[in-house]
């Protein structure tokens, strides 16, 4: 766990981060996850309670099913920057 100190307020904030390989393992499990990602337009979206139903290695994309709405959505894996509240790093 990394502690970051804000220079003006002197408050300590804790940030959890995970390696991309750990994030991939979490996404491959059948348990629902919450993810944050960038879209093509640069917008940040948050998908809650979703499961990965397909991974295409050569395209670098994943298809997710959002359990609350039963929607199927696709994104590029490199655009996912947070999994279950933990920042993903390379």
Protein backbone atom coordinates (compact mmCIF):
# COMPACT_ATOMS: atom_id res chain seq x y z
CA UNK A 1 0.00 0.00 0.00
CA UNK A 2 1.35 3.39 -1.01
CA UNK A 3 0.74 6.41 1.20
CA UNK A 4 0.56 9.75 -0.55
CA UNK A 5 0.79 13.00 1.36
CA UNK A 6 -1.02 16.01 -0.06
CA UNK A 7 1.34 19.01 0.05
CA UNK A 8 -1.27 21.62 1.06
CA UNK A 9 -3.59 19.77 3.45
CA UNK A 10 -1.05 17.37 4.97
CA UNK A 11 -3.61 14.53 4.87
CA UNK A 12 -2.45 11.00 4.22
CA UNK A 13 -4.33 9.17 1.49
CA UNK A 14 -3.87 5.46 0.88
CA UNK A 15 -3.83 4.15 -2.65
CA UNK A 16 -3.99 0.49 -3.54
CA UNK A 17 -2.52 -0.55 -6.83
CA UNK A 18 -2.13 -3.85 -8.66
CA UNK A 19 0.01 -5.06 -11.53
CA UNK A 20 -1.65 -5.67 -14.90
CA UNK A 21 -1.08 -9.43 -14.55
CA UNK A 22 -3.02 -9.46 -11.26
CA UNK A 23 -5.80 -7.41 -12.86
CA UNK A 24 -6.01 -9.93 -15.72
CA UNK A 25 -6.37 -12.78 -13.23
CA UNK A 26 -9.16 -10.89 -11.44
CA UNK A 27 -10.95 -10.23 -14.74
CA UNK A 28 -10.72 -13.89 -15.77
CA UNK A 29 -12.47 -15.10 -12.63
CA UNK A 30 -16.24 -15.68 -12.68
CA UNK A 31 -16.81 -13.26 -9.77
CA UNK A 32 -18.21 -9.79 -10.59
CA UNK A 33 -15.81 -6.84 -10.55
CA UNK A 34 -16.10 -3.06 -10.71
CA UNK A 35 -13.93 -1.41 -13.36
CA UNK A 36 -13.13 2.10 -14.53
CA UNK A 37 -12.01 2.66 -18.08
CA UNK A 38 -11.41 5.26 -20.76
CA UNK A 39 -13.62 5.25 -23.85
CA UNK A 40 -12.58 6.17 -27.38
CA UNK A 41 -13.60 9.77 -26.74
CA UNK A 42 -11.57 9.99 -23.52
CA UNK A 43 -14.63 9.81 -21.28
CA UNK A 44 -14.22 7.86 -18.04
CA UNK A 45 -16.86 5.20 -17.42
CA UNK A 46 -17.44 3.02 -14.40
CA UNK A 47 -18.95 -0.41 -14.91
CA UNK A 48 -20.18 -2.00 -11.69
CA UNK A 49 -20.82 -5.70 -11.12
CA UNK A 50 -19.58 -6.98 -14.45
CA UNK A 51 -18.03 -10.25 -15.52
CA UNK A 52 -15.72 -10.88 -18.45
CA UNK A 53 -17.40 -13.26 -20.88
CA UNK A 54 -14.83 -13.17 -23.69
CA UNK A 55 -11.19 -12.20 -24.09
CA UNK A 56 -9.62 -11.79 -27.52
CA UNK A 57 -5.84 -11.89 -27.09
CA UNK A 58 -4.87 -10.73 -30.59
CA UNK A 59 -7.32 -7.83 -30.61
CA UNK A 60 -6.63 -6.93 -26.99
CA UNK A 61 -10.34 -6.62 -26.23
CA UNK A 62 -12.67 -7.97 -23.60
CA UNK A 63 -16.44 -8.38 -23.61
CA UNK A 64 -18.21 -7.82 -20.31
CA UNK A 65 -21.71 -8.56 -19.14
CA UNK A 66 -23.07 -5.92 -16.77
CA UNK A 67 -25.11 -7.98 -14.31
CA UNK A 68 -27.47 -5.21 -13.20
CA UNK A 69 -28.66 -4.35 -16.73
CA UNK A 70 -27.70 -7.53 -18.65
CA UNK A 71 -25.93 -5.34 -21.23
CA UNK A 72 -22.94 -6.69 -23.15
CA UNK A 73 -20.13 -4.16 -23.62
CA UNK A 74 -16.69 -4.37 -25.16
CA UNK A 75 -13.53 -2.44 -24.38
CA UNK A 76 -9.84 -2.57 -25.08
CA UNK A 77 -7.95 -4.10 -22.18
CA UNK A 78 -5.35 -1.31 -22.18
CA UNK A 79 -8.12 1.23 -21.42
CA UNK A 80 -8.97 -0.33 -18.05
CA UNK A 81 -7.20 1.65 -15.34
CA UNK A 82 -8.98 0.54 -12.16
CA UNK A 83 -10.31 -2.83 -10.94
CA UNK A 84 -12.29 -3.06 -7.69
CA UNK A 85 -10.99 0.32 -6.56
CA UNK A 86 -7.33 -0.57 -7.17
CA UNK A 87 -5.31 1.32 -9.76
CA UNK A 88 -3.73 -0.87 -12.45
CA UNK A 89 -0.06 -0.31 -13.34
CA UNK A 90 2.25 -1.90 -15.91
